[in-house]
Amino acid sequence: MSDIGHYVLVEVMEFVLIYDIPMELESIQRQTHRILVRNSCEKIQRSVWKSKELTSLIDVATFIKKSGGDARILEERFVF
């Protein structure tokens, strides 16, 4: 949080889920998409989604990994 004049800027952390699910696991791909939409995640690209809810993304990443895919969660931070 920073104070600029009369304005107070509050940084809201956002997180990015990047995942890879093998093509042969089509049902897992569909389930993952449904879960992400249901949790109001924002689609950036096909397997790159953004959310403010870290716990929800951890749950999705855990599901993907247990189902045979790979998943990473990054903290979104822009420098420029």
C-alpha atoms as a PDB file:
ATOM      1  CA  MET A   1       0.000   0.000   0.000  1.00  0.00           C
ATOM      2  CA  SER A   2       1.299   3.442  -0.792  1.00  0.00           C
ATOM      3  CA  ASP A   3       0.030   6.983  -0.156  1.00  0.00           C
ATOM      4  CA  ILE A   4       0.165   9.354  -3.139  1.00  0.00           C
ATOM      5  CA  GLY A   5      -1.235  12.749  -2.172  1.00  0.00           C
ATOM      6  CA  HIS A   6      -4.855  12.162  -1.209  1.00  0.00           C
ATOM      7  CA  TYR A   7      -5.020   8.763  -2.835  1.00  0.00           C
ATOM      8  CA  VAL A   8      -4.202   5.457  -1.213  1.00  0.00           C
ATOM      9  CA  LEU A   9      -3.257   2.673  -3.616  1.00  0.00           C
ATOM     10  CA  VAL A  10      -3.996  -0.835  -2.420  1.00  0.00           C
ATOM     11  CA  GLU A  11      -2.302  -3.636  -4.289  1.00  0.00           C
ATOM     12  CA  VAL A  12      -4.533  -6.634  -4.864  1.00  0.00           C
ATOM     13  CA  MET A  13      -2.531  -9.780  -5.433  1.00  0.00           C
ATOM     14  CA  GLU A  14      -3.452 -11.809  -8.457  1.00  0.00           C
ATOM     15  CA  PHE A  15      -2.156 -15.240  -9.303  1.00  0.00           C
ATOM     16  CA  VAL A  16      -1.693 -17.051 -12.599  1.00  0.00           C
ATOM     17  CA  LEU A  17      -2.240 -20.771 -13.139  1.00  0.00           C
ATOM     18  CA  ILE A  18      -0.306 -22.303 -16.026  1.00  0.00           C
ATOM     19  CA  TYR A  19      -1.041 -25.937 -16.746  1.00  0.00           C
ATOM     20  CA  ASP A  20      -0.533 -28.755 -19.225  1.00  0.00           C
ATOM     21  CA  ILE A  21      -2.897 -31.699 -19.479  1.00  0.00           C
ATOM     22  CA  PRO A  22      -2.037 -34.452 -21.990  1.00  0.00           C
ATOM     23  CA  MET A  23      -4.382 -34.624 -24.998  1.00  0.00           C
ATOM     24  CA  GLU A  24      -5.503 -38.151 -24.090  1.00  0.00           C
ATOM     25  CA  LEU A  25      -6.951 -36.822 -20.805  1.00  0.00           C
ATOM     26  CA  GLU A  26      -9.750 -34.958 -22.567  1.00  0.00           C
ATOM     27  CA  SER A  27     -12.260 -35.438 -19.746  1.00  0.00           C
ATOM     28  CA  ILE A  28      -9.767 -33.907 -17.273  1.00  0.00           C
ATOM     29  CA  GLN A  29      -9.348 -30.932 -19.623  1.00  0.00           C
ATOM     30  CA  ARG A  30     -13.129 -30.405 -19.673  1.00  0.00           C
ATOM     31  CA  GLN A  31     -13.424 -30.765 -15.891  1.00  0.00           C
ATOM     32  CA  THR A  32     -10.570 -28.309 -15.351  1.00  0.00           C
ATOM     33  CA  HIS A  33     -12.196 -25.743 -17.643  1.00  0.00           C
ATOM     34  CA  ARG A  34     -15.533 -26.079 -15.823  1.00  0.00           C
ATOM     35  CA  ILE A  35     -13.887 -25.678 -12.409  1.00  0.00           C
ATOM     36  CA  LEU A  36     -12.002 -22.555 -13.523  1.00  0.00           C
ATOM     37  CA  VAL A  37     -15.152 -20.959 -14.980  1.00  0.00           C
ATOM     38  CA  ARG A  38     -17.192 -21.864 -11.886  1.00  0.00           C
ATOM     39  CA  ASN A  39     -14.530 -20.187  -9.696  1.00  0.00           C
ATOM     40  CA  SER A  40     -14.713 -16.964 -11.791  1.00  0.00           C
ATOM     41  CA  CYS A  41     -11.136 -17.270 -13.019  1.00  0.00           C
ATOM     42  CA  GLU A  42     -10.156 -15.146 -16.002  1.00  0.00           C
ATOM     43  CA  LYS A  43      -8.874 -16.939 -19.097  1.00  0.00           C
ATOM     44  CA  ILE A  44      -5.709 -15.379 -20.503  1.00  0.00           C
ATOM     45  CA  GLN A  45      -4.842 -18.136 -22.974  1.00  0.00           C
ATOM     46  CA  ARG A  46      -5.956 -21.738 -23.435  1.00  0.00           C
ATOM     47  CA  SER A  47      -4.162 -23.117 -20.359  1.00  0.00           C
ATOM     48  CA  VAL A  48      -3.276 -19.855 -18.622  1.00  0.00           C
ATOM     49  CA  TRP A  49      -5.821 -18.480 -16.135  1.00  0.00           C
ATOM     50  CA  LYS A  50      -5.794 -15.648 -13.598  1.00  0.00           C
ATOM     51  CA  SER A  51      -7.522 -15.251 -10.226  1.00  0.00           C
ATOM     52  CA  LYS A  52      -7.320 -13.350  -6.949  1.00  0.00           C
ATOM     53  CA  GLU A  53      -8.287 -16.548  -5.104  1.00  0.00           C
ATOM     54  CA  LEU A  54      -5.043 -18.404  -4.464  1.00  0.00           C
ATOM     55  CA  THR A  55      -6.761 -21.221  -2.558  1.00  0.00           C
ATOM     56  CA  SER A  56      -9.016 -21.992  -5.532  1.00  0.00           C
ATOM     57  CA  LEU A  57      -6.041 -22.101  -7.905  1.00  0.00           C
ATOM     58  CA  ILE A  58      -4.146 -24.415  -5.540  1.00  0.00           C
ATOM     59  CA  ASP A  59      -7.156 -26.760  -5.517  1.00  0.00           C
ATOM     60  CA  VAL A  60      -7.290 -26.772  -9.330  1.00  0.00           C
ATOM     61  CA  ALA A  61      -3.514 -27.282  -9.647  1.00  0.00           C
ATOM     62  CA  THR A  62      -3.684 -30.196  -7.188  1.00  0.00           C
ATOM     63  CA  PHE A  63      -6.528 -31.768  -9.193  1.00  0.00           C
ATOM     64  CA  ILE A  64      -4.538 -31.405 -12.435  1.00  0.00           C
ATOM     65  CA  LYS A  65      -1.393 -32.961 -10.937  1.00  0.00           C
ATOM     66  CA  LYS A  66      -3.293 -35.861  -9.350  1.00  0.00           C
ATOM     67  CA  SER A  67      -4.960 -36.486 -12.719  1.00  0.00           C
ATOM     68  CA  GLY A  68      -1.660 -36.802 -14.615  1.00  0.00           C
ATOM     69  CA  GLY A  69      -1.054 -33.225 -15.756  1.00  0.00           C
ATOM     70  CA  ASP A  70       1.375 -30.506 -14.722  1.00  0.00           C
ATOM     71  CA  ALA A  71       0.500 -27.159 -13.131  1.00  0.00           C
ATOM     72  CA  ARG A  72       2.273 -24.087 -11.773  1.00  0.00           C
ATOM     73  CA  ILE A  73       0.946 -21.029  -9.944  1.00  0.00           C
ATOM     74  CA  LEU A  74       2.745 -17.722 -10.280  1.00  0.00           C
ATOM     75  CA  GLU A  75       2.237 -14.424  -8.527  1.00  0.00           C
ATOM     76  CA  GLU A  76       1.310 -11.840 -11.136  1.00  0.00           C
ATOM     77  CA  ARG A  77       3.658  -8.898 -10.908  1.00  0.00           C
ATOM     78  CA  PHE A  78       4.255  -6.424 -13.704  1.00  0.00           C
ATOM     79  CA  VAL A  79       7.465  -4.467 -13.848  1.00  0.00           C
ATOM     80  CA  PHE A  80       6.769  -2.420 -16.972  1.00  0.00           C
END
